[in-house]
Amino acid sequence: MNYCNKIKYNIFSTGKAAFPDMVDNLLRQLPPESNILRLAFFGTPATNEEYEMRHHILREKVEIKYGKKQPALSYVSQPPLNTPLIVEVHSYIPDSDDILIYKKLNGFPYVLLKNHYGRFLFSGGFQSDIINKPIERQSREVFNLVAELLELEKFPVNSIIRQWNYIQQITSYENNNQNYQSFNNARGDFYAVAEWPDGYPAATGIGTNLGGILVDLDAAVFNSPEAFATPIDNKLQVAAHAYSEKVLEVSRDKKATPKFERAKSITFGNRRLIYVSGTAAIRGEESLKGFGLERQLHITMENIAELTGQAKLVMLRVYLKNKTDFALSERLMNEYNLSIPISYMCADVCREELLVEIEGIAVD
């Protein structure tokens, strides 16, 4: 069976209750027949101290449920807009060709998948000291953790295919340094150790209320000529890594561009899995200013259609700057008749004028 048929994506939600009870309810909903690769929980702690307490509860409960087969785990401080807590699940149904290995490094669980196509890494939850350290230092320490894992498992830096970057108060400043730009500078330095002949990863850089810097990632090293990664450009947009300085902010007098592709595909024989990066109402390199939520959302979906072509979307995340836009955005998304899991989170987008950002996964 092709890799694209075996990897599955779903979203589960729960009603309001005490946090431990909500976690238990979500874990009971997870598919028992599948091997879980990644669990990404989205919730709304009130402080970073509460965030850490809830994160600890999550880790304990996932460890009890999965024992030595713990998936990559992250807790993202973003308010879900139609439920108090959700979990996004990436799972896999292996066959005789697949070997799944569950491991931990520095307390971070991760999963290795090996088959005739190659080796695949599913990891995340990478964080530093979110209470006592500034964003720039957190960013560099997080990438040191990523580097340690990649080196241990012999995945080159340029094997990263998809990266999720969660940045507390993304458009705010610390000592005149914008948080997103501080993160981009750290990411740029980390990526500079490698050449990127197959393009940078697909990625999302999105704001969170709390939680400092949090990074999740998928990586792949291919063994077969049938399997390879391809960057996907959008002819309607300038590649993010080619932005001019006029659309970048400043951190310590540096303006590293965001190092990611608009989308990235992995080909497995005659099938493709497409990771769609965080996408917004940007044409060229400029935000389309002066448009409301409805127009921005439609332009964003046009950008996504340009990236996916005939591929079928299988999951989307919609990030909204304003909670009050949820009902309208849900109605607008329903008009696309996608019949797929869609989550809605309240989150600051990387530019103040943007009201919505959407990411997703597609298969053809």
Protein backbone atom coordinates (compact mmCIF):
# COMPACT_ATOMS: atom_id res chain seq x y z
CA MET A 1 0.00 0.00 0.00
CA ASN A 2 1.24 3.49 -0.88
CA TYR A 3 2.42 5.80 1.94
CA CYS A 4 -0.33 8.28 1.02
CA ASN A 5 -2.99 5.66 1.74
CA LYS A 6 -1.52 4.77 5.12
CA ILE A 7 -1.06 8.17 6.74
CA LYS A 8 -4.24 9.71 8.17
CA TYR A 9 -5.19 13.07 9.65
CA ASN A 10 -8.03 13.87 12.02
CA ILE A 11 -9.25 16.41 14.59
CA PHE A 12 -11.11 15.64 17.81
CA SER A 13 -12.84 18.05 20.18
CA THR A 14 -14.39 17.92 23.65
CA GLY A 15 -16.95 19.78 25.72
CA LYS A 16 -16.01 22.09 28.57
CA ALA A 17 -14.78 20.38 31.76
CA ALA A 18 -11.79 20.39 34.08
CA PHE A 19 -8.59 20.23 32.01
CA PRO A 20 -7.62 16.64 33.03
CA ASP A 21 -11.13 15.44 32.18
CA MET A 22 -11.03 17.11 28.76
CA VAL A 23 -7.71 15.43 28.02
CA ASP A 24 -9.11 12.04 29.05
CA ASN A 25 -12.11 12.56 26.78
CA LEU A 26 -9.91 13.41 23.81
CA LEU A 27 -7.59 10.46 24.36
CA ARG A 28 -10.59 8.09 24.46
CA GLN A 29 -11.56 9.27 20.98
CA LEU A 30 -8.25 8.40 19.32
CA PRO A 31 -8.33 5.58 16.76
CA PRO A 32 -7.25 2.37 18.52
CA GLU A 33 -6.31 0.57 15.32
CA SER A 34 -3.73 3.16 14.26
CA ASN A 35 -0.21 3.96 15.31
CA ILE A 36 -0.16 7.61 16.38
CA LEU A 37 2.69 9.68 14.96
CA ARG A 38 1.78 13.13 16.28
CA LEU A 39 -0.62 14.67 18.78
CA ALA A 40 -1.00 18.45 18.73
CA PHE A 41 -3.29 19.83 21.44
CA PHE A 42 -4.67 23.37 21.20
CA GLY A 43 -6.04 25.13 24.28
CA THR A 44 -6.18 28.34 26.28
CA PRO A 45 -4.10 28.52 29.46
CA ALA A 46 -4.25 31.79 31.39
CA THR A 47 -0.53 32.15 32.21
CA ASN A 48 2.73 30.49 31.27
CA GLU A 49 2.76 28.88 34.70
CA GLU A 50 -0.64 27.32 33.97
CA TYR A 51 0.59 26.38 30.51
CA GLU A 52 3.47 24.41 32.02
CA MET A 53 1.17 22.74 34.56
CA ARG A 54 -1.28 21.67 31.84
CA HIS A 55 1.55 20.55 29.59
CA HIS A 56 2.80 18.33 32.41
CA ILE A 57 -0.68 16.81 32.77
CA LEU A 58 -0.76 16.12 29.03
CA ARG A 59 2.64 14.41 29.05
CA GLU A 60 1.66 12.22 32.01
CA LYS A 61 -1.65 11.13 30.47
CA VAL A 62 -0.13 10.42 27.05
CA GLU A 63 2.63 8.39 28.71
CA ILE A 64 0.07 6.35 30.65
CA LYS A 65 -1.97 5.68 27.51
CA TYR A 66 0.88 4.87 25.12
CA GLY A 67 3.72 3.69 27.36
CA LYS A 68 6.81 3.09 25.25
CA LYS A 69 4.97 4.05 22.06
CA GLN A 70 4.47 7.74 22.73
CA PRO A 71 3.90 9.96 19.68
CA ALA A 72 5.41 13.38 19.13
CA LEU A 73 3.48 15.67 21.46
CA SER A 74 2.88 19.42 21.53
CA TYR A 75 0.59 21.77 23.44
CA VAL A 76 -0.16 24.98 21.56
CA SER A 77 -1.54 28.00 23.43
CA GLN A 78 -4.15 29.07 20.89
CA PRO A 79 -7.86 29.35 21.72
CA PRO A 80 -9.92 26.93 19.62
CA LEU A 81 -12.99 28.84 18.49
CA ASN A 82 -15.66 26.13 18.68
CA THR A 83 -14.51 24.05 21.65
CA PRO A 84 -12.28 24.53 24.74
CA LEU A 85 -9.67 21.93 23.74
CA ILE A 86 -8.89 20.04 20.53
CA VAL A 87 -6.30 17.56 19.39
CA GLU A 88 -5.00 17.15 15.87
CA VAL A 89 -3.91 13.57 15.20
CA HIS A 90 -1.48 12.27 12.60
CA SER A 91 -1.69 8.47 12.50
CA TYR A 92 -0.38 5.63 10.38
CA ILE A 93 -1.61 2.18 9.44
CA PRO A 94 1.55 0.16 8.75
CA ASP A 95 1.89 -2.95 6.63
CA SER A 96 4.63 -5.57 6.46
CA ASP A 97 6.99 -3.14 4.72
CA ASP A 98 6.95 -0.63 7.59
CA ILE A 99 9.00 -0.45 10.76
CA LEU A 100 7.84 2.04 13.41
CA ILE A 101 10.20 2.97 16.25
CA TYR A 102 9.18 5.14 19.21
CA LYS A 103 11.96 6.95 21.05
CA LYS A 104 12.71 9.92 23.34
CA LEU A 105 15.48 12.51 23.52
CA ASN A 106 15.74 15.03 26.37
CA GLY A 107 12.18 14.10 27.33
CA PHE A 108 10.78 14.81 23.85
CA PRO A 109 9.08 11.75 22.28
CA TYR A 110 9.47 11.19 18.55
CA VAL A 111 8.71 8.52 15.97
CA LEU A 112 10.83 6.96 13.24
CA LEU A 113 9.25 5.21 10.26
CA LYS A 114 11.32 3.05 7.94
CA ASN A 115 10.17 1.42 4.70
CA HIS A 116 11.37 0.89 1.15
CA TYR A 117 10.77 4.58 0.34
CA GLY A 118 13.18 5.79 3.05
CA ARG A 119 13.31 6.98 6.65
CA PHE A 120 10.81 9.44 8.11
CA LEU A 121 10.97 11.43 11.35
CA PHE A 122 7.98 12.84 13.23
CA SER A 123 9.05 15.04 16.14
CA GLY A 124 8.08 18.13 18.03
CA GLY A 125 7.22 19.84 21.25
CA PHE A 126 10.66 21.47 21.18
CA GLN A 127 10.76 24.25 23.78
CA SER A 128 13.20 26.06 26.02
CA ASP A 129 12.56 27.93 29.28
CA ILE A 130 9.40 29.81 28.35
CA ILE A 131 9.16 31.78 31.59
CA ASN A 132 12.66 33.12 32.20
CA LYS A 133 14.26 33.49 28.76
CA PRO A 134 13.60 36.02 25.98
CA ILE A 135 12.26 34.92 22.59
CA GLU A 136 15.56 35.19 20.74
CA ARG A 137 17.38 32.97 23.23
CA GLN A 138 14.49 30.50 23.29
CA SER A 139 14.58 30.32 19.48
CA ARG A 140 18.28 29.48 19.38
CA GLU A 141 17.99 26.90 22.15
CA VAL A 142 15.05 25.25 20.42
CA PHE A 143 17.06 24.90 17.21
CA ASN A 144 19.92 23.43 19.23
CA LEU A 145 17.50 20.74 20.44
CA VAL A 146 16.36 20.11 16.87
CA ALA A 147 19.97 19.86 15.71
CA GLU A 148 20.79 17.34 18.43
CA LEU A 149 17.94 15.05 17.38
CA LEU A 150 18.69 15.34 13.66
CA GLU A 151 22.35 14.52 14.25
CA LEU A 152 21.51 11.57 16.52
CA GLU A 153 19.16 10.01 13.97
CA LYS A 154 21.29 10.97 10.94
CA PHE A 155 18.79 13.29 9.30
CA PRO A 156 20.52 16.24 7.59
CA VAL A 157 19.11 19.67 8.36
CA ASN A 158 17.90 19.91 4.77
CA SER A 159 15.82 16.75 5.23
CA ILE A 160 13.17 18.78 7.10
CA ILE A 161 10.05 18.67 4.95
CA ARG A 162 7.45 20.38 7.13
CA GLN A 163 7.90 22.66 10.14
CA TRP A 164 5.36 24.27 12.47
CA ASN A 165 6.66 27.34 14.32
CA TYR A 166 4.57 28.74 17.17
CA ILE A 167 5.73 32.12 18.46
CA GLN A 168 4.36 33.81 21.57
CA GLN A 169 3.04 37.32 20.77
CA ILE A 170 4.46 37.02 17.25
CA THR A 171 4.17 40.68 16.25
CA SER A 172 5.22 42.12 19.63
CA TYR A 173 8.66 43.51 20.45
CA GLU A 174 11.24 42.71 23.11
CA ASN A 175 13.84 45.48 23.48
CA ASN A 176 12.95 46.85 20.02
CA ASN A 177 13.30 43.40 18.45
CA GLN A 178 10.18 41.92 16.86
CA ASN A 179 9.53 38.38 18.11
CA TYR A 180 8.89 36.92 14.65
CA GLN A 181 12.01 38.54 13.25
CA SER A 182 14.08 37.26 16.19
CA PHE A 183 12.80 33.78 15.42
CA ASN A 184 13.51 34.16 11.69
CA ASN A 185 17.07 35.24 12.42
CA ALA A 186 17.63 32.14 14.57
CA ARG A 187 16.02 29.89 11.95
CA GLY A 188 18.12 31.46 9.21
CA ASP A 189 21.34 30.80 11.16
CA PHE A 190 20.29 27.20 11.82
CA TYR A 191 19.44 26.55 8.15
CA ALA A 192 22.67 28.19 6.97
CA VAL A 193 24.69 25.08 7.86
CA ALA A 194 23.13 23.24 4.88
CA GLU A 195 22.50 23.61 1.18
CA TRP A 196 18.84 23.32 0.17
CA PRO A 197 18.78 21.87 -3.38
CA ASP A 198 15.20 20.59 -2.92
CA GLY A 199 13.91 23.82 -1.38
CA TYR A 200 13.28 24.87 2.19
CA PRO A 201 10.58 23.14 4.27
CA ALA A 202 6.93 23.99 4.04
CA ALA A 203 6.23 25.91 7.23
CA THR A 204 3.84 27.92 9.34
CA GLY A 205 4.96 30.80 11.56
CA ILE A 206 1.99 31.70 13.69
CA GLY A 207 1.31 33.54 16.92
CA THR A 208 0.34 32.06 20.28
CA ASN A 209 -0.91 33.68 23.45
CA LEU A 210 1.67 31.88 25.61
CA GLY A 211 4.16 29.03 25.43
CA GLY A 212 7.22 30.90 24.19
CA ILE A 213 8.76 29.27 21.13
CA LEU A 214 7.46 25.84 20.12
CA VAL A 215 8.61 23.89 17.06
CA ASP A 216 7.27 20.69 15.49
CA LEU A 217 8.69 19.06 12.36
CA ASP A 218 8.60 16.18 9.89
CA ALA A 219 11.75 15.09 8.04
CA ALA A 220 12.53 12.53 5.35
CA VAL A 221 15.58 10.78 3.89
CA PHE A 222 14.71 8.85 0.72
CA ASN A 223 16.07 5.46 -0.37
CA SER A 224 14.11 4.99 -3.57
CA PRO A 225 14.13 6.98 -6.82
CA GLU A 226 10.33 6.73 -6.63
CA ALA A 227 10.33 8.96 -3.55
CA PHE A 228 11.49 12.59 -3.50
CA ALA A 229 10.58 16.06 -2.23
CA THR A 230 9.70 19.02 -4.45
CA PRO A 231 9.19 22.68 -3.50
CA ILE A 232 6.02 24.26 -4.86
CA ASP A 233 5.89 27.94 -5.77
CA ASN A 234 2.82 30.09 -6.19
CA LYS A 235 3.07 32.21 -9.34
CA LEU A 236 0.86 34.78 -7.60
CA GLN A 237 3.32 35.28 -4.74
CA VAL A 238 7.00 36.00 -4.20
CA ALA A 239 8.70 33.12 -2.37
CA ALA A 240 8.92 34.05 1.31
CA HIS A 241 12.67 33.37 1.40
CA ALA A 242 13.07 35.93 -1.41
CA TYR A 243 11.24 38.80 0.30
CA SER A 244 12.79 42.24 0.06
CA GLU A 245 13.78 44.13 3.20
CA LYS A 246 10.81 46.50 2.92
CA VAL A 247 8.37 43.82 4.17
CA LEU A 248 10.62 42.59 7.00
CA GLU A 249 10.89 43.88 10.54
CA VAL A 250 14.13 44.33 12.53
CA SER A 251 15.77 42.28 15.25
CA ARG A 252 19.31 43.22 16.33
CA ASP A 253 19.75 45.04 13.02
CA LYS A 254 19.17 41.79 11.11
CA LYS A 255 16.41 41.06 8.64
CA ALA A 256 16.64 37.37 7.78
CA THR A 257 13.87 36.32 5.41
CA PRO A 258 11.41 33.60 6.49
CA LYS A 259 13.01 30.40 5.22
CA PHE A 260 10.14 28.32 3.88
CA GLU A 261 8.43 27.30 0.65
CA ARG A 262 4.79 28.08 -0.12
CA ALA A 263 4.20 24.33 -0.20
CA LYS A 264 6.24 21.15 -0.48
CA SER A 265 5.27 17.78 -1.90
CA ILE A 266 6.59 14.30 -1.27
CA THR A 267 6.16 11.96 -4.22
CA PHE A 268 5.69 8.24 -3.61
CA GLY A 269 5.52 6.53 -6.98
CA ASN A 270 2.34 7.83 -8.63
CA ARG A 271 1.00 9.57 -5.49
CA ARG A 272 1.86 12.85 -3.79
CA LEU A 273 1.43 14.23 -0.29
CA ILE A 274 1.43 18.04 -0.27
CA TYR A 275 2.16 20.13 2.82
CA VAL A 276 0.61 23.58 2.36
CA SER A 277 2.41 26.25 4.37
CA GLY A 278 0.63 28.91 6.35
CA THR A 279 -1.07 30.91 3.58
CA ALA A 280 -2.65 34.36 3.68
CA ALA A 281 -3.96 37.15 1.44
CA ILE A 282 -0.58 38.10 0.03
CA ARG A 283 0.09 38.75 -3.65
CA GLY A 284 3.64 39.30 -4.75
CA GLU A 285 5.15 40.07 -1.36
CA GLU A 286 2.56 42.60 -0.22
CA SER A 287 -0.49 42.02 1.95
CA LEU A 288 -3.71 42.98 0.19
CA LYS A 289 -4.60 45.76 2.60
CA GLY A 290 -8.05 47.22 3.03
CA PHE A 291 -9.93 43.95 2.54
CA GLY A 292 -12.20 42.45 5.16
CA LEU A 293 -12.30 38.87 6.37
CA GLU A 294 -14.46 37.55 3.51
CA ARG A 295 -12.20 38.83 0.73
CA GLN A 296 -9.02 37.86 2.56
CA LEU A 297 -10.30 34.31 3.11
CA HIS A 298 -11.25 33.84 -0.53
CA ILE A 299 -7.87 35.17 -1.72
CA THR A 300 -6.15 32.81 0.73
CA MET A 301 -8.11 29.83 -0.63
CA GLU A 302 -7.23 30.93 -4.17
CA ASN A 303 -3.56 30.85 -3.16
CA ILE A 304 -3.99 27.36 -1.71
CA ALA A 305 -5.72 26.14 -4.89
CA GLU A 306 -2.77 27.46 -6.89
CA LEU A 307 -0.45 25.31 -4.75
CA THR A 308 -2.48 22.09 -4.68
CA GLY A 309 -3.81 21.95 -8.23
CA GLN A 310 -5.91 18.79 -8.67
CA ALA A 311 -4.84 17.32 -5.31
CA LYS A 312 -7.56 16.80 -2.72
CA LEU A 313 -7.32 18.65 0.57
CA VAL A 314 -7.53 16.25 3.53
CA MET A 315 -7.18 18.68 6.45
CA LEU A 316 -7.05 22.43 7.12
CA ARG A 317 -6.28 24.74 10.02
CA VAL A 318 -7.80 28.20 9.93
CA TYR A 319 -6.13 30.85 12.10
CA LEU A 320 -8.24 33.94 12.78
CA LYS A 321 -6.95 37.17 14.28
CA ASN A 322 -10.37 38.08 15.70
CA LYS A 323 -12.66 35.67 17.55
CA THR A 324 -15.66 37.55 16.23
CA ASP A 325 -14.81 36.38 12.68
CA PHE A 326 -15.38 32.70 13.52
CA ALA A 327 -19.03 32.38 12.48
CA LEU A 328 -18.42 34.12 9.16
CA SER A 329 -15.24 32.17 8.40
CA GLU A 330 -16.95 28.85 9.19
CA ARG A 331 -19.84 29.73 6.88
CA LEU A 332 -17.44 30.75 4.11
CA MET A 333 -15.40 27.56 4.48
CA ASN A 334 -18.57 25.44 4.42
CA GLU A 335 -19.35 26.92 1.00
CA TYR A 336 -16.30 25.06 -0.40
CA ASN A 337 -18.01 21.70 0.47
CA LEU A 338 -14.72 20.11 1.41
CA SER A 339 -16.06 17.50 3.90
CA ILE A 340 -12.70 17.31 5.70
CA PRO A 341 -11.49 18.02 9.25
CA ILE A 342 -11.07 21.79 9.75
CA SER A 343 -9.97 23.44 12.98
CA TYR A 344 -10.41 27.12 13.82
CA MET A 345 -7.98 28.87 16.17
CA CYS A 346 -7.65 32.46 17.34
CA ALA A 347 -4.07 33.53 16.65
CA ASP A 348 -2.08 36.57 15.62
CA VAL A 349 -0.79 36.32 12.06
CA CYS A 350 2.74 37.47 11.22
CA ARG A 351 1.53 40.79 9.75
CA GLU A 352 -0.81 43.08 11.66
CA GLU A 353 -3.08 43.73 8.67
CA LEU A 354 -3.80 40.04 7.99
CA LEU A 355 -7.02 38.69 9.48
CA VAL A 356 -6.73 35.03 8.47
CA GLU A 357 -4.09 32.43 7.68
CA ILE A 358 -4.79 28.87 6.51
CA GLU A 359 -2.54 25.82 6.30
CA GLY A 360 -3.31 22.30 5.18
CA ILE A 361 -2.43 18.93 3.75
CA ALA A 362 -3.48 17.54 0.37
CA VAL A 363 -3.08 14.23 -1.45
CA ASP A 364 -3.23 13.26 -5.11
